[in-house]
Amino acid sequence: MNKRGNLIAYTIAALMVIIHIIPFYILINMSFKSSQDTSSKWLFPTSIYLENFTNAWKAAQLDRAILNNSIITFSVVVLVVFIGAFASYPLARYQTKWNNFVYTLSVACLIVPALTILVPLYKLIVDMNGINSYWAVILTQVTFSLPITIFLFTGFIHSVPRELDEAGLIDGCSRFGVFFKIILPLLRTITATVVILIGVQVWNDYQFSVFFLQKKDMMTIPVALSGFISQFQSNVNWVAAGCLIGMLPLTIVYLILQKYFVKGVVDGAIKG
């Protein structure tokens, strides 16, 4: 029975890997093919065509787009982690009716699709002169990222023993001191999770950026690359090359921080 269960698990894992690898394989194929190459997308190009990368870099101004992505993503992640952790502490520690209402309202916002309020949100940003500005996109992303962040942080803080708070108060710490000196360092595991989830979500965002960042020098990577496909043109090879360039910064950051993420998970498991 165990062998059969293991076989099923391995089969499911293999299928998941294949499903994720196939689009990436096609992406690589298309990025190295010339637009004149009409061979199947499943066949690797017979000759490597690198001009797709230089053309995509220049036409989409990817240097500026990567900078815009970096500014927005970094700002959103920092604000979401700080505000989310700070708000989740009293929600987890003080089970009052008002706190329960705030927590329930925050979690309920998860079921509201952003597209349902995009039109009034756009009108509000226009009235506030926020079009083509970083702050409009950053505040919007923070607002829509906080519900899941509060949900994750609150659930994690619930598992932290209250005795740690009491020990800190006995030693002379204020509530703020308890949070910053005792609770916050214990949140590194869930913080790593939030950084990954929110960082990838904001980096790949299209729906807010396409409405709020309309100037060429303010566009993010997804918006800049979308200009290659329109009613009058379809340069898929440039888009594929641009996608590979756009995913490179996130890949590098993940490889650099991977050991810290793993260490946080291991420490959390040991303490748990």
Protein backbone atom coordinates (compact mmCIF):
# COMPACT_ATOMS: atom_id res chain seq x y z
CA MET A 1 0.00 0.00 0.00
CA ASN A 2 2.86 2.34 0.83
CA LYS A 3 4.57 1.56 -2.49
CA ARG A 4 1.36 2.27 -4.36
CA GLY A 5 0.90 5.54 -2.49
CA ASN A 6 4.48 6.55 -3.20
CA LEU A 7 4.02 5.70 -6.89
CA ILE A 8 0.91 7.91 -7.07
CA ALA A 9 2.73 10.75 -5.31
CA TYR A 10 5.73 10.47 -7.65
CA THR A 11 3.43 10.40 -10.68
CA ILE A 12 1.59 13.52 -9.56
CA ALA A 13 4.88 15.29 -8.83
CA ALA A 14 6.23 14.33 -12.25
CA LEU A 15 3.09 15.63 -13.98
CA MET A 16 3.33 18.92 -12.10
CA VAL A 17 6.97 19.31 -13.14
CA ILE A 18 6.13 18.56 -16.77
CA ILE A 19 3.21 21.03 -16.77
CA HIS A 20 5.53 23.77 -15.49
CA ILE A 21 8.46 22.89 -17.75
CA ILE A 22 6.54 22.77 -21.05
CA PRO A 23 5.64 26.51 -21.18
CA PHE A 24 9.18 27.41 -20.13
CA TYR A 25 10.61 25.17 -22.87
CA ILE A 26 8.38 26.83 -25.49
CA LEU A 27 9.37 30.27 -24.16
CA ILE A 28 13.07 29.49 -24.60
CA ASN A 29 12.48 28.13 -28.09
CA MET A 30 10.56 31.21 -29.21
CA SER A 31 13.07 33.64 -27.69
CA PHE A 32 15.95 32.20 -29.74
CA LYS A 33 14.05 31.91 -33.03
CA SER A 34 13.95 34.49 -35.78
CA SER A 35 10.58 35.88 -36.78
CA GLN A 36 11.27 34.35 -40.20
CA ASP A 37 11.57 30.88 -38.64
CA THR A 38 8.16 29.25 -39.14
CA SER A 39 9.11 25.86 -37.73
CA SER A 40 7.09 24.28 -34.92
CA LYS A 41 7.34 25.86 -31.50
CA TRP A 42 8.22 22.40 -30.16
CA LEU A 43 11.41 22.23 -32.23
CA PHE A 44 14.53 23.91 -30.90
CA PRO A 45 15.95 26.45 -33.40
CA THR A 46 18.70 25.22 -35.68
CA SER A 47 20.50 28.55 -35.33
CA ILE A 48 20.53 30.83 -32.28
CA TYR A 49 19.06 34.28 -32.99
CA LEU A 50 20.15 36.67 -30.23
CA GLU A 51 18.81 39.85 -31.80
CA ASN A 52 15.42 39.19 -30.16
CA PHE A 53 16.97 40.13 -26.83
CA THR A 54 18.64 43.32 -28.05
CA ASN A 55 15.52 44.36 -29.98
CA ALA A 56 13.25 43.71 -27.01
CA TRP A 57 15.64 45.56 -24.67
CA LYS A 58 15.76 48.66 -26.86
CA ALA A 59 12.17 48.76 -28.14
CA ALA A 60 10.57 48.16 -24.74
CA GLN A 61 13.18 50.20 -22.84
CA LEU A 62 13.59 47.30 -20.45
CA ASP A 63 16.34 49.05 -18.50
CA ARG A 64 13.82 51.68 -17.38
CA ALA A 65 11.06 49.08 -16.97
CA ILE A 66 13.23 46.94 -14.68
CA LEU A 67 14.03 50.02 -12.59
CA ASN A 68 10.31 50.83 -12.31
CA ASN A 69 9.53 47.25 -11.30
CA SER A 70 12.29 47.29 -8.68
CA ILE A 71 11.14 50.57 -7.10
CA ILE A 72 7.49 49.51 -6.94
CA THR A 73 8.13 45.94 -5.77
CA PHE A 74 10.65 46.90 -3.08
CA SER A 75 8.42 49.67 -1.70
CA VAL A 76 5.32 47.48 -1.64
CA VAL A 77 7.07 44.55 0.06
CA VAL A 78 8.61 46.74 2.78
CA LEU A 79 5.31 48.52 3.53
CA VAL A 80 3.24 45.34 3.45
CA VAL A 81 5.58 43.44 5.78
CA PHE A 82 5.80 46.30 8.30
CA ILE A 83 2.12 47.30 8.29
CA GLY A 84 0.89 43.71 8.12
CA ALA A 85 3.01 42.50 11.02
CA PHE A 86 2.26 45.59 13.11
CA ALA A 87 -1.50 45.28 12.55
CA SER A 88 -1.60 41.50 13.07
CA TYR A 89 -0.07 41.58 16.56
CA PRO A 90 -3.05 43.20 18.38
CA LEU A 91 -5.50 41.23 16.21
CA ALA A 92 -3.89 37.98 17.36
CA ARG A 93 -3.33 38.90 20.99
CA TYR A 94 -6.55 40.78 21.88
CA GLN A 95 -9.69 38.83 20.98
CA THR A 96 -12.18 41.71 21.32
CA LYS A 97 -15.33 42.04 19.22
CA TRP A 98 -13.88 45.01 17.40
CA ASN A 99 -10.62 43.18 16.59
CA ASN A 100 -12.55 40.12 15.42
CA PHE A 101 -14.65 42.37 13.18
CA VAL A 102 -11.54 44.04 11.71
CA TYR A 103 -9.90 40.66 11.11
CA THR A 104 -13.02 39.21 9.50
CA LEU A 105 -13.39 42.29 7.30
CA SER A 106 -9.75 42.04 6.23
CA VAL A 107 -10.07 38.37 5.33
CA ALA A 108 -13.37 39.04 3.52
CA CYS A 109 -11.54 41.45 1.21
CA LEU A 110 -9.72 38.44 -0.23
CA ILE A 111 -12.85 37.41 -2.12
CA VAL A 112 -13.24 40.81 -3.81
CA PRO A 113 -11.58 40.74 -7.27
CA ALA A 114 -9.55 43.86 -7.97
CA LEU A 115 -11.16 44.24 -11.41
CA THR A 116 -14.60 44.81 -9.85
CA ILE A 117 -13.53 48.16 -8.41
CA LEU A 118 -10.94 49.12 -11.01
CA VAL A 119 -13.14 51.72 -12.72
CA PRO A 120 -13.97 53.77 -9.58
CA LEU A 121 -10.39 53.28 -8.39
CA TYR A 122 -9.08 54.66 -11.68
CA LYS A 123 -11.43 57.66 -11.39
CA LEU A 124 -10.17 58.28 -7.84
CA ILE A 125 -6.53 58.14 -8.92
CA VAL A 126 -7.25 60.55 -11.80
CA ASP A 127 -8.92 63.01 -9.40
CA MET A 128 -5.88 62.78 -7.11
CA ASN A 129 -3.47 63.38 -10.03
CA GLY A 130 -1.90 59.98 -9.43
CA ILE A 131 -1.64 58.80 -13.03
CA ASN A 132 1.99 58.12 -14.04
CA SER A 133 3.22 58.26 -10.45
CA TYR A 134 4.82 55.58 -8.31
CA TRP A 135 2.81 56.34 -5.19
CA ALA A 136 -0.55 55.52 -6.80
CA VAL A 137 0.53 52.03 -7.87
CA ILE A 138 2.40 51.39 -4.61
CA LEU A 139 -0.54 52.36 -2.38
CA THR A 140 -2.94 50.35 -4.53
CA GLN A 141 -0.72 47.27 -4.40
CA VAL A 142 -0.25 47.63 -0.63
CA THR A 143 -4.01 47.89 -0.13
CA PHE A 144 -4.76 44.73 -2.09
CA SER A 145 -1.81 42.82 -0.56
CA LEU A 146 -2.58 43.56 3.09
CA PRO A 147 -5.55 41.14 3.53
CA ILE A 148 -3.54 38.01 2.72
CA THR A 149 -0.58 39.40 4.68
CA ILE A 150 -2.69 40.05 7.79
CA PHE A 151 -4.25 36.59 7.45
CA LEU A 152 -0.82 34.91 7.35
CA PHE A 153 0.80 37.01 10.10
CA THR A 154 -2.19 36.73 12.45
CA GLY A 155 -2.33 32.96 12.11
CA PHE A 156 1.40 32.70 12.80
CA ILE A 157 1.33 35.00 15.83
CA HIS A 158 -1.51 32.89 17.26
CA SER A 159 0.98 30.02 17.48
CA VAL A 160 3.53 32.10 19.42
CA PRO A 161 3.11 31.45 23.20
CA ARG A 162 1.68 34.36 25.17
CA GLU A 163 4.19 33.60 27.92
CA LEU A 164 6.84 35.33 25.81
CA ASP A 165 4.83 38.56 25.94
CA GLU A 166 4.37 38.26 29.68
CA ALA A 167 8.08 37.60 30.22
CA GLY A 168 8.94 40.68 28.17
CA LEU A 169 6.52 42.86 30.15
CA ILE A 170 7.95 41.58 33.43
CA ASP A 171 11.45 42.50 32.22
CA GLY A 172 10.27 46.07 31.66
CA CYS A 173 9.42 46.11 27.97
CA SER A 174 6.46 48.08 26.72
CA ARG A 175 3.99 46.53 24.28
CA PHE A 176 5.94 48.11 21.45
CA GLY A 177 9.15 46.71 22.92
CA VAL A 178 7.64 43.23 23.14
CA PHE A 179 6.58 43.39 19.50
CA PHE A 180 9.86 44.72 18.08
CA LYS A 181 12.26 42.80 20.35
CA ILE A 182 10.45 39.48 20.83
CA ILE A 183 7.63 38.91 18.33
CA LEU A 184 9.09 40.48 15.18
CA PRO A 185 12.29 38.37 15.17
CA LEU A 186 10.15 35.22 15.41
CA LEU A 187 8.25 36.18 12.25
CA ARG A 188 11.15 35.66 9.85
CA THR A 189 9.69 32.38 8.54
CA ILE A 190 6.29 33.81 7.63
CA THR A 191 7.98 37.05 6.53
CA ALA A 192 9.95 35.07 3.95
CA THR A 193 6.68 33.59 2.71
CA VAL A 194 5.07 37.02 2.45
CA VAL A 195 8.09 38.46 0.64
CA ILE A 196 7.97 35.66 -1.94
CA LEU A 197 4.19 35.77 -2.48
CA ILE A 198 3.80 39.55 -2.59
CA GLY A 199 7.07 40.18 -4.41
CA VAL A 200 6.23 37.86 -7.29
CA GLN A 201 2.66 39.17 -7.45
CA VAL A 202 3.71 42.81 -7.65
CA TRP A 203 6.61 42.18 -10.03
CA ASN A 204 4.27 40.43 -12.50
CA ASP A 205 1.32 42.82 -12.05
CA TYR A 206 -0.35 44.05 -15.20
CA GLN A 207 -3.89 45.15 -14.32
CA PHE A 208 -2.92 48.15 -12.15
CA SER A 209 0.22 49.15 -14.04
CA VAL A 210 -1.48 49.29 -17.44
CA PHE A 211 -4.05 51.81 -16.15
CA PHE A 212 -1.95 53.92 -13.77
CA LEU A 213 1.44 53.97 -15.59
CA GLN A 214 0.81 55.13 -19.14
CA LYS A 215 3.98 57.07 -19.98
CA LYS A 216 6.70 55.13 -21.75
CA ASP A 217 9.31 55.87 -19.10
CA MET A 218 6.95 54.80 -16.28
CA MET A 219 5.86 51.43 -17.70
CA THR A 220 6.66 48.18 -15.92
CA ILE A 221 7.95 45.07 -17.68
CA PRO A 222 4.55 43.40 -18.39
CA VAL A 223 3.09 46.64 -19.78
CA ALA A 224 6.17 47.41 -21.87
CA LEU A 225 6.19 43.91 -23.39
CA SER A 226 2.46 43.99 -24.14
CA GLY A 227 3.18 46.71 -26.73
CA PHE A 228 4.74 44.08 -28.99
CA ILE A 229 1.34 42.43 -29.49
CA SER A 230 -1.49 44.53 -30.88
CA GLN A 231 -4.07 44.60 -33.65
CA PHE A 232 -1.44 45.52 -36.23
CA GLN A 233 1.58 43.54 -35.07
CA SER A 234 2.45 40.36 -33.19
CA ASN A 235 6.13 40.01 -32.37
CA VAL A 236 5.98 36.94 -30.16
CA ASN A 237 9.72 36.30 -30.35
CA TRP A 238 10.51 39.69 -28.85
CA VAL A 239 7.95 39.10 -26.10
CA ALA A 240 9.52 35.72 -25.28
CA ALA A 241 12.99 37.25 -25.11
CA GLY A 242 11.70 40.12 -22.96
CA CYS A 243 10.02 37.66 -20.59
CA LEU A 244 13.31 35.86 -20.04
CA ILE A 245 15.04 39.17 -19.34
CA GLY A 246 12.22 40.23 -17.01
CA MET A 247 12.36 37.06 -14.93
CA LEU A 248 16.14 37.24 -14.49
CA PRO A 249 16.22 39.79 -11.60
CA LEU A 250 13.71 37.79 -9.53
CA THR A 251 15.65 34.59 -10.20
CA ILE A 252 18.92 36.18 -9.07
CA VAL A 253 17.32 37.58 -5.91
CA TYR A 254 15.78 34.20 -5.09
CA LEU A 255 19.10 32.37 -5.59
CA ILE A 256 20.87 34.88 -3.33
CA LEU A 257 18.24 34.73 -0.58
CA GLN A 258 17.38 31.05 -0.90
CA LYS A 259 19.55 29.93 2.02
CA TYR A 260 17.94 32.55 4.26
CA PHE A 261 14.45 31.36 3.28
CA VAL A 262 15.41 27.74 3.97
CA LYS A 263 17.05 28.66 7.28
CA GLY A 264 13.92 30.55 8.33
CA VAL A 265 11.70 27.57 7.51
CA VAL A 266 14.00 25.15 9.40
CA ASP A 267 14.20 27.43 12.45
CA GLY A 268 10.41 27.81 12.44
CA ALA A 269 9.95 24.05 12.27
CA ILE A 270 12.38 23.47 15.14
CA LYS A 271 10.75 26.12 17.34
CA GLY A 272 7.31 24.81 16.43
